[in-house]
PDB file of N, CA and C in Angstrom:
ATOM      1  N   MET A   1     105.835 100.005 101.635  1.00  0.00           N
ATOM      2  CA  MET A   1     104.527  99.231 101.785  1.00  0.00           C
ATOM      3  C   MET A   1     104.208  98.365 100.583  1.00  0.00           C
ATOM      4  N   THR A   2     104.469  98.920  99.356  1.00  0.00           N
ATOM      5  CA  THR A   2     104.102  98.113  98.209  1.00  0.00           C
ATOM      6  C   THR A   2     105.011  97.004  98.085  1.00  0.00           C
ATOM      7  N   ASN A   3     106.336  97.056  98.404  1.00  0.00           N
ATOM      8  CA  ASN A   3     107.238  95.932  98.333  1.00  0.00           C
ATOM      9  C   ASN A   3     106.793  94.893  99.304  1.00  0.00           C
ATOM     10  N   LEU A   4     106.303  95.278 100.498  1.00  0.00           N
ATOM     11  CA  LEU A   4     105.892  94.314 101.487  1.00  0.00           C
ATOM     12  C   LEU A   4     104.671  93.467 100.895  1.00  0.00           C
ATOM     13  N   LEU A   5     103.806  94.174 100.261  1.00  0.00           N
ATOM     14  CA  LEU A   5     102.631  93.446  99.693  1.00  0.00           C
ATOM     15  C   LEU A   5     103.085  92.545  98.526  1.00  0.00           C
ATOM     16  N   LEU A   6     104.035  92.948  97.702  1.00  0.00           N
ATOM     17  CA  LEU A   6     104.409  92.263  96.597  1.00  0.00           C
ATOM     18  C   LEU A   6     105.194  90.981  97.088  1.00  0.00           C
ATOM     19  N   GLY A   7     105.699  91.013  98.217  1.00  0.00           N
ATOM     20  CA  GLY A   7     106.565  89.847  98.823  1.00  0.00           C
ATOM     21  C   GLY A   7     105.575  88.664  99.008  1.00  0.00           C
ATOM     22  N   PHE A   8     104.364  88.935  99.149  1.00  0.00           N
ATOM     23  CA  PHE A   8     103.416  87.883  99.482  1.00  0.00           C
ATOM     24  C   PHE A   8     102.623  87.275  98.265  1.00  0.00           C
ATOM     25  N   MET A   9     102.911  87.936  97.105  1.00  0.00           N
ATOM     26  CA  MET A   9     102.260  87.540  95.881  1.00  0.00           C
ATOM     27  C   MET A   9     102.846  86.180  95.403  1.00  0.00           C
ATOM     28  N   PRO A  10     102.059  85.308  94.911  1.00  0.00           N
ATOM     29  CA  PRO A  10     102.546  84.079  94.381  1.00  0.00           C
ATOM     30  C   PRO A  10     103.385  84.387  93.087  1.00  0.00           C
ATOM     31  N   SER A  11     104.512  83.523  92.866  1.00  0.00           N
ATOM     32  CA  SER A  11     105.258  83.642  91.738  1.00  0.00           C
ATOM     33  C   SER A  11     104.718  82.718  90.631  1.00  0.00           C
ATOM     34  N   GLY A  12     105.363  82.580  89.496  1.00  0.00           N
ATOM     35  CA  GLY A  12     104.891  81.800  88.397  1.00  0.00           C
ATOM     36  C   GLY A  12     104.541  80.441  88.703  1.00  0.00           C
ATOM     37  N   SER A  13     105.421  79.609  89.361  1.00  0.00           N
ATOM     38  CA  SER A  13     105.199  78.230  89.679  1.00  0.00           C
ATOM     39  C   SER A  13     104.009  78.095  90.691  1.00  0.00           C
ATOM     40  N   GLU A  14     103.921  79.017  91.605  1.00  0.00           N
ATOM     41  CA  GLU A  14     102.904  78.979  92.622  1.00  0.00           C
ATOM     42  C   GLU A  14     101.536  79.144  91.950  1.00  0.00           C
ATOM     43  N   TRP A  15     101.414  79.976  90.939  1.00  0.00           N
ATOM     44  CA  TRP A  15     100.153  80.154  90.221  1.00  0.00           C
ATOM     45  C   TRP A  15      99.761  78.953  89.531  1.00  0.00           C
ATOM     46  N   VAL A  16     100.687  78.173  89.052  1.00  0.00           N
ATOM     47  CA  VAL A  16     100.358  76.831  88.373  1.00  0.00           C
ATOM     48  C   VAL A  16      99.841  75.924  89.478  1.00  0.00           C
ATOM     49  N   ILE A  17     100.409  75.835  90.544  1.00  0.00           N
ATOM     50  CA  ILE A  17      99.920  74.875  91.586  1.00  0.00           C
ATOM     51  C   ILE A  17      98.506  75.364  92.124  1.00  0.00           C
ATOM     52  N   ILE A  18      98.313  76.682  92.169  1.00  0.00           N
ATOM     53  CA  ILE A  18      96.957  77.196  92.749  1.00  0.00           C
ATOM     54  C   ILE A  18      95.952  76.811  91.575  1.00  0.00           C
ATOM     55  N   ALA A  19      96.305  76.980  90.266  1.00  0.00           N
ATOM     56  CA  ALA A  19      95.300  76.607  89.210  1.00  0.00           C
ATOM     57  C   ALA A  19      94.978  75.194  89.215  1.00  0.00           C
ATOM     58  N   LEU A  20      95.957  74.317  89.524  1.00  0.00           N
ATOM     59  CA  LEU A  20      95.796  72.849  89.556  1.00  0.00           C
ATOM     60  C   LEU A  20      94.809  72.400  90.733  1.00  0.00           C
ATOM     61  N   VAL A  21      95.101  73.163  91.944  1.00  0.00           N
ATOM     62  CA  VAL A  21      94.134  72.841  93.023  1.00  0.00           C
ATOM     63  C   VAL A  21      92.703  73.260  92.774  1.00  0.00           C
ATOM     64  N   ILE A  22      92.602  74.499  92.164  1.00  0.00           N
ATOM     65  CA  ILE A  22      91.303  74.877  91.806  1.00  0.00           C
ATOM     66  C   ILE A  22      90.574  73.950  90.772  1.00  0.00           C
ATOM     67  N   LEU A  23      91.382  73.431  89.834  1.00  0.00           N
ATOM     68  CA  LEU A  23      90.803  72.464  88.814  1.00  0.00           C
ATOM     69  C   LEU A  23      90.409  71.175  89.463  1.00  0.00           C
ATOM     70  N   LEU A  24      91.152  70.744  90.525  1.00  0.00           N
ATOM     71  CA  LEU A  24      90.856  69.491  91.211  1.00  0.00           C
ATOM     72  C   LEU A  24      89.561  69.695  92.117  1.00  0.00           C
ATOM     73  N   LEU A  25      89.450  70.928  92.749  1.00  0.00           N
ATOM     74  CA  LEU A  25      88.434  71.154  93.577  1.00  0.00           C
ATOM     75  C   LEU A  25      87.075  71.347  92.931  1.00  0.00           C
ATOM     76  N   PHE A  26      87.040  72.115  91.904  1.00  0.00           N
ATOM     77  CA  PHE A  26      85.829  72.439  91.115  1.00  0.00           C
ATOM     78  C   PHE A  26      85.536  71.642  89.880  1.00  0.00           C
ATOM     79  N   GLY A  27      86.506  70.973  89.295  1.00  0.00           N
ATOM     80  CA  GLY A  27      86.220  70.331  88.131  1.00  0.00           C
ATOM     81  C   GLY A  27      86.297  71.206  86.901  1.00  0.00           C
ATOM     82  N   GLY A  28      86.449  70.559  85.754  1.00  0.00           N
ATOM     83  CA  GLY A  28      86.566  71.388  84.398  1.00  0.00           C
ATOM     84  C   GLY A  28      85.286  72.069  84.086  1.00  0.00           C
ATOM     85  N   LYS A  29      84.196  71.435  84.466  1.00  0.00           N
ATOM     86  CA  LYS A  29      82.804  71.963  83.930  1.00  0.00           C
ATOM     87  C   LYS A  29      82.374  73.190  84.797  1.00  0.00           C
ATOM     88  N   LYS A  30      82.870  73.276  86.049  1.00  0.00           N
ATOM     89  CA  LYS A  30      82.512  74.382  86.900  1.00  0.00           C
ATOM     90  C   LYS A  30      83.249  75.601  86.655  1.00  0.00           C
ATOM     91  N   ILE A  31      84.490  75.499  86.163  1.00  0.00           N
ATOM     92  CA  ILE A  31      85.341  76.658  86.217  1.00  0.00           C
ATOM     93  C   ILE A  31      84.820  77.726  85.162  1.00  0.00           C
ATOM     94  N   PRO A  32      84.327  77.422  83.979  1.00  0.00           N
ATOM     95  CA  PRO A  32      83.784  78.546  83.245  1.00  0.00           C
ATOM     96  C   PRO A  32      82.628  79.243  83.883  1.00  0.00           C
ATOM     97  N   GLU A  33      81.770  78.493  84.521  1.00  0.00           N
ATOM     98  CA  GLU A  33      80.672  79.125  85.322  1.00  0.00           C
ATOM     99  C   GLU A  33      81.167  80.079  86.405  1.00  0.00           C
ATOM    100  N   LEU A  34      82.214  79.596  87.140  1.00  0.00           N
ATOM    101  CA  LEU A  34      82.805  80.314  88.184  1.00  0.00           C
ATOM    102  C   LEU A  34      83.474  81.688  87.550  1.00  0.00           C
ATOM    103  N   MET A  35      84.126  81.562  86.429  1.00  0.00           N
ATOM    104  CA  MET A  35      84.769  82.749  85.797  1.00  0.00           C
ATOM    105  C   MET A  35      83.685  83.688  85.357  1.00  0.00           C
ATOM    106  N   ARG A  36      82.707  83.202  84.731  1.00  0.00           N
ATOM    107  CA  ARG A  36      81.592  84.067  84.300  1.00  0.00           C
ATOM    108  C   ARG A  36      80.995  84.854  85.412  1.00  0.00           C
ATOM    109  N   GLY A  37      80.744  84.261  86.587  1.00  0.00           N
ATOM    110  CA  GLY A  37      80.244  84.914  87.759  1.00  0.00           C
ATOM    111  C   GLY A  37      81.209  85.957  88.274  1.00  0.00           C
ATOM    112  N   LEU A  38      82.578  85.568  88.220  1.00  0.00           N
ATOM    113  CA  LEU A  38      83.469  86.485  88.607  1.00  0.00           C
ATOM    114  C   LEU A  38      83.601  87.727  87.712  1.00  0.00           C
ATOM    115  N   GLY A  39      83.453  87.490  86.446  1.00  0.00           N
ATOM    116  CA  GLY A  39      83.481  88.575  85.399  1.00  0.00           C
ATOM    117  C   GLY A  39      82.280  89.573  85.670  1.00  0.00           C
ATOM    118  N   LYS A  40      81.171  88.982  85.945  1.00  0.00           N
ATOM    119  CA  LYS A  40      79.914  89.787  86.218  1.00  0.00           C
ATOM    120  C   LYS A  40      80.172  90.584  87.511  1.00  0.00           C
ATOM    121  N   GLY A  41      80.747  89.940  88.547  1.00  0.00           N
ATOM    122  CA  GLY A  41      80.938  90.661  89.731  1.00  0.00           C
ATOM    123  C   GLY A  41      82.026  91.804  89.549  1.00  0.00           C
ATOM    124  N   VAL A  42      83.026  91.652  88.746  1.00  0.00           N
ATOM    125  CA  VAL A  42      84.004  92.793  88.555  1.00  0.00           C
ATOM    126  C   VAL A  42      83.348  93.828  87.741  1.00  0.00           C
ATOM    127  N   LYS A  43      82.510  93.558  86.798  1.00  0.00           N
ATOM    128  CA  LYS A  43      81.835  94.481  86.024  1.00  0.00           C
ATOM    129  C   LYS A  43      80.885  95.318  86.850  1.00  0.00           C
ATOM    130  N   ASN A  44      80.118  94.719  87.694  1.00  0.00           N
ATOM    131  CA  ASN A  44      79.192  95.411  88.616  1.00  0.00           C
ATOM    132  C   ASN A  44      79.959  96.309  89.521  1.00  0.00           C
ATOM    133  N   PHE A  45      81.116  95.807  90.020  1.00  0.00           N
ATOM    134  CA  PHE A  45      82.020  96.684  90.939  1.00  0.00           C
ATOM    135  C   PHE A  45      82.486  97.864  90.160  1.00  0.00           C
ATOM    136  N   LYS A  46      82.908  97.758  88.955  1.00  0.00           N
ATOM    137  CA  LYS A  46      83.504  98.849  88.221  1.00  0.00           C
ATOM    138  C   LYS A  46      82.330  99.888  87.894  1.00  0.00           C
ATOM    139  N   ASP A  47      81.150  99.267  87.557  1.00  0.00           N
ATOM    140  CA  ASP A  47      80.041 100.214  87.314  1.00  0.00           C
ATOM    141  C   ASP A  47      79.710 100.970  88.559  1.00  0.00           C
ATOM    142  N   GLY A  48      79.717 100.410  89.733  1.00  0.00           N
ATOM    143  CA  GLY A  48      79.454 101.046  90.999  1.00  0.00           C
ATOM    144  C   GLY A  48      80.452 102.129  91.283  1.00  0.00           C
ATOM    145  N   VAL A  49      81.710 101.806  91.029  1.00  0.00           N
ATOM    146  CA  VAL A  49      82.797 102.804  91.196  1.00  0.00           C
ATOM    147  C   VAL A  49      82.675 104.006  90.310  1.00  0.00           C
ATOM    148  N   ASN A  50      82.264 103.732  89.022  1.00  0.00           N
ATOM    149  CA  ASN A  50      82.115 104.900  88.034  1.00  0.00           C
ATOM    150  C   ASN A  50      81.028 105.661  88.489  1.00  0.00           C
ATOM    151  N   GLU A  51      79.845 105.050  88.920  1.00  0.00           N
ATOM    152  CA  GLU A  51      78.604 105.766  89.305  1.00  0.00           C
ATOM    153  C   GLU A  51      78.959 106.605  90.532  1.00  0.00           C
ATOM    154  N   ALA A  52      79.731 106.073  91.498  1.00  0.00           N
ATOM    155  CA  ALA A  52      80.132 106.850  92.648  1.00  0.00           C
ATOM    156  C   ALA A  52      80.983 108.077  92.219  1.00  0.00           C
ATOM    157  N   LYS A  53      81.918 107.815  91.292  1.00  0.00           N
ATOM    158  CA  LYS A  53      82.664 109.014  90.871  1.00  0.00           C
ATOM    159  C   LYS A  53      81.889 110.140  90.222  1.00  0.00           C
ATOM    160  N   GLU A  54      80.963 109.694  89.347  1.00  0.00           N
ATOM    161  CA  GLU A  54      80.017 110.630  88.692  1.00  0.00           C
ATOM    162  C   GLU A  54      79.212 111.413  89.786  1.00  0.00           C
ATOM    163  N   GLU A  55      78.787 110.741  90.800  1.00  0.00           N
ATOM    164  CA  GLU A  55      77.943 111.431  91.745  1.00  0.00           C
ATOM    165  C   GLU A  55      78.868 112.523  92.637  1.00  0.00           C
ATOM    166  N   ILE A  56      80.109 112.000  92.916  1.00  0.00           N
ATOM    167  CA  ILE A  56      81.045 112.904  93.555  1.00  0.00           C
ATOM    168  C   ILE A  56      81.299 114.106  92.774  1.00  0.00           C
ATOM    169  N   ASN A  57      81.542 113.939  91.408  1.00  0.00           N
ATOM    170  CA  ASN A  57      81.927 114.990  90.515  1.00  0.00           C
ATOM    171  C   ASN A  57      80.738 115.964  90.399  1.00  0.00           C
ATOM    172  N   LYS A  58      79.527 115.408  90.352  1.00  0.00           N
ATOM    173  CA  LYS A  58      78.368 116.235  90.347  1.00  0.00           C
ATOM    174  C   LYS A  58      78.143 116.984  91.469  1.00  0.00           C
ATOM    175  N   ALA A  59      78.365 116.491  92.628  1.00  0.00           N
ATOM    176  CA  ALA A  59      78.228 117.131  93.886  1.00  0.00           C
ATOM    177  C   ALA A  59      79.240 118.201  94.081  1.00  0.00           C
ATOM    178  N   THR A  60      80.428 118.093  93.533  1.00  0.00           N
ATOM    179  CA  THR A  60      81.432 119.047  93.677  1.00  0.00           C
ATOM    180  C   THR A  60      81.174 120.175  92.678  1.00  0.00           C
ATOM    181  N   GLU A  61      80.672 119.937  91.562  1.00  0.00           N
ATOM    182  CA  GLU A  61      80.212 120.952  90.643  1.00  0.00           C
ATOM    183  C   GLU A  61      79.057 121.697  91.176  1.00  0.00           C
ATOM    184  N   ASP A  62      78.121 121.147  91.811  1.00  0.00           N
ATOM    185  CA  ASP A  62      76.991 121.876  92.340  1.00  0.00           C
ATOM    186  C   ASP A  62      77.484 122.802  93.550  1.00  0.00           C
ATOM    187  N   LEU A  63      78.462 122.392  94.277  1.00  0.00           N
ATOM    188  CA  LEU A  63      79.009 123.329  95.372  1.00  0.00           C
ATOM    189  C   LEU A  63      79.761 124.600  94.801  1.00  0.00           C
ATOM    190  N   ARG A  64      80.254 124.576  93.549  1.00  0.00           N
ATOM    191  CA  ARG A  64      80.952 125.671  92.971  1.00  0.00           C
ATOM    192  C   ARG A  64      80.052 126.631  92.496  1.00  0.00           C
TER     193      ARG A  64
END
C-alpha cells in the first residue's frame, strides 16, 4: 500500500515545476502570506491532535 502511494509522489524535477506554477499563479508577494497561513493551520492541527490524545489518555486513566 505504501509503495502504491509513493508511486504517485512527485520527483525532484516535478517539485520544481510545481513551485514555478505556484509562483506564476500567486506572485512573489503572496507566497509568504500563504506559507504563514499554512504554518498556522499545521500548528493548529497539531495542537488539536495533541489535545485529543491528552483527552483519550485521561479517559483511559479514569477507567482504570
